[in-house]
Amino acid sequence: MAAADPGDARGPGSRAVADMTSRLVGVLVLLTVPAWGHGALDQRDLLAPWWNVLALATVVAPAAWLAIQSARRRGDVRPPAVVLAAGVALCLLLWPYGVVDVDGAAQGLPWLWLVLPLTLSVLGTLGSVPVSLGYGLAVGVEYALVRVEPYGGSGPLSIVLLEVALITALAAGPALLVVAAGRAATRLDVIAAEAAAASAAAARANAALQTRRELDATLHDTVLAALHSAVRDPAAPELPRLADRALRTFGEAPERTSQGAVDPHALAQHLHDGLAVVAPDADLDVRGGTAVPAEVARALVEAALEAARNARRHGGGAGATPDIAVHVDATTDGSGVAVVVRDDGVGFDPRLVPPHRMGLAVSVHARMERVGGRAEVVTATGSGTTVRLSWRPAAPSPDGGPPAGPLAEDATETDDGVPTTGTTEP
């Protein structure tokens, strides 16, 4: 597809209509040239040399210009159309003075009659019905005055009036079509522009929403965690670490949009540092060597730390602390990474989690979904809890269509075949 001209303020629909009209003009020139070209050659001896030269300059040359413009990309056929219309009108006006063989001219139509369909049609590209209709009426009267005379073929009045009516219809018809197509294209351009503006506004609103959700998750994981710990036990040894983590998290907020990749060792170090604050007794195991995007690494770390914090806070029961294990599996072939947080605590019934609790919904599930990942929680009362966080880079679908999704192959299905990434029971 050809790139749009930066200086062309028209919309894509209007440009498409203009291009189509230009191509049709070129086709019309090619279709009509044999007829009026043959007529011009046949009648050249009936006309004075000066008139033939005038016709060559004001009719034949503009017709060739039309053909050239229609063949060019974004060629504007309106200037040669105006020149051709003026040339035909001038030649018709001077026809009585150019004829040198009246008897010969009386035997047929002036060859300019054969040019009029082309002239009137291309004049419609101006997109002005008044201009085209006014020109058609003026040229029609001019043609009628020539046609009824011997040097114009001595046409019967009834035939001449019919020819004038045809000229008028040819003048108005193409102009009406061009105007209708132009208005429709302009309306489509307006609709497309409004849709683009709405899409951009929606994208901005979505970006703001995602930022808000990330902020909610960060507040829950750091500030609220520190406050909960302070309320339960103001002298808790982990309270300074939680407070320090909250301050560092918000202090580093401007840098959290950084791009790049994080290798498994750096990912493990971030997990180790975070676990030292939220679950110091957790075991950490890392395998594989595939780097992941920075935003994915942040989501994996924050979601895993929230899962570990939940396990330490809620999984023990009766004041006990469950054993927590964090396993990182980063494949060496670049196909993805998984982080599994497992505890041997009391577990819970997912159906009993209050809807206002943000731990799993915002800090785990939503956080992974924002980066194209998935979170799966397997738990039941008395059976411990396993949180599996996974991410896979998007790849084109086998049929060449859009990416099938980062985790299309991992998605589980419900009984009705609908993929789910929700909390499940074993």
Foldseek 3Di string as FASTA:
>chain_A
DDDDDPPDPDFPLLLVLQLVLLLVLLVVLVVLCVQLVVLCVVCVVQWDPVLNVLCCVQAVVLSVVSNVQSPDRSRHNQVSLVSNLVSLLVSLQCLVVTGPHLQVLLQDARSSLSVLLSSLLSNLLVLDQVVLLVSLQVVLVSLLVQCCDSNGNNDDPVVSVVSSVVSNCSNRVNNVVSNVSNVVSRVVRVVVVVVVVVVVVVVVVVVVVVVVLVVVLLCVLAVVVLVVVCVVPVPDPLNVVSPVVSVVCVVCVVVQPDWDWDWQVNLQVLLQSLCCRQPVQAAEEEDETAIGISLLSVLQSQLLSLVQNCCQVPFAPPPGGWHWYWYKYAHHVQFWIKIKIWTAGQWDDVVPDDPVDCSCPRSHAVSLVVVQWAWEWETDGRGTIMIMIMWGDFDADPVRDRTPTGCVVPFDADPVGHTDRYYYYD
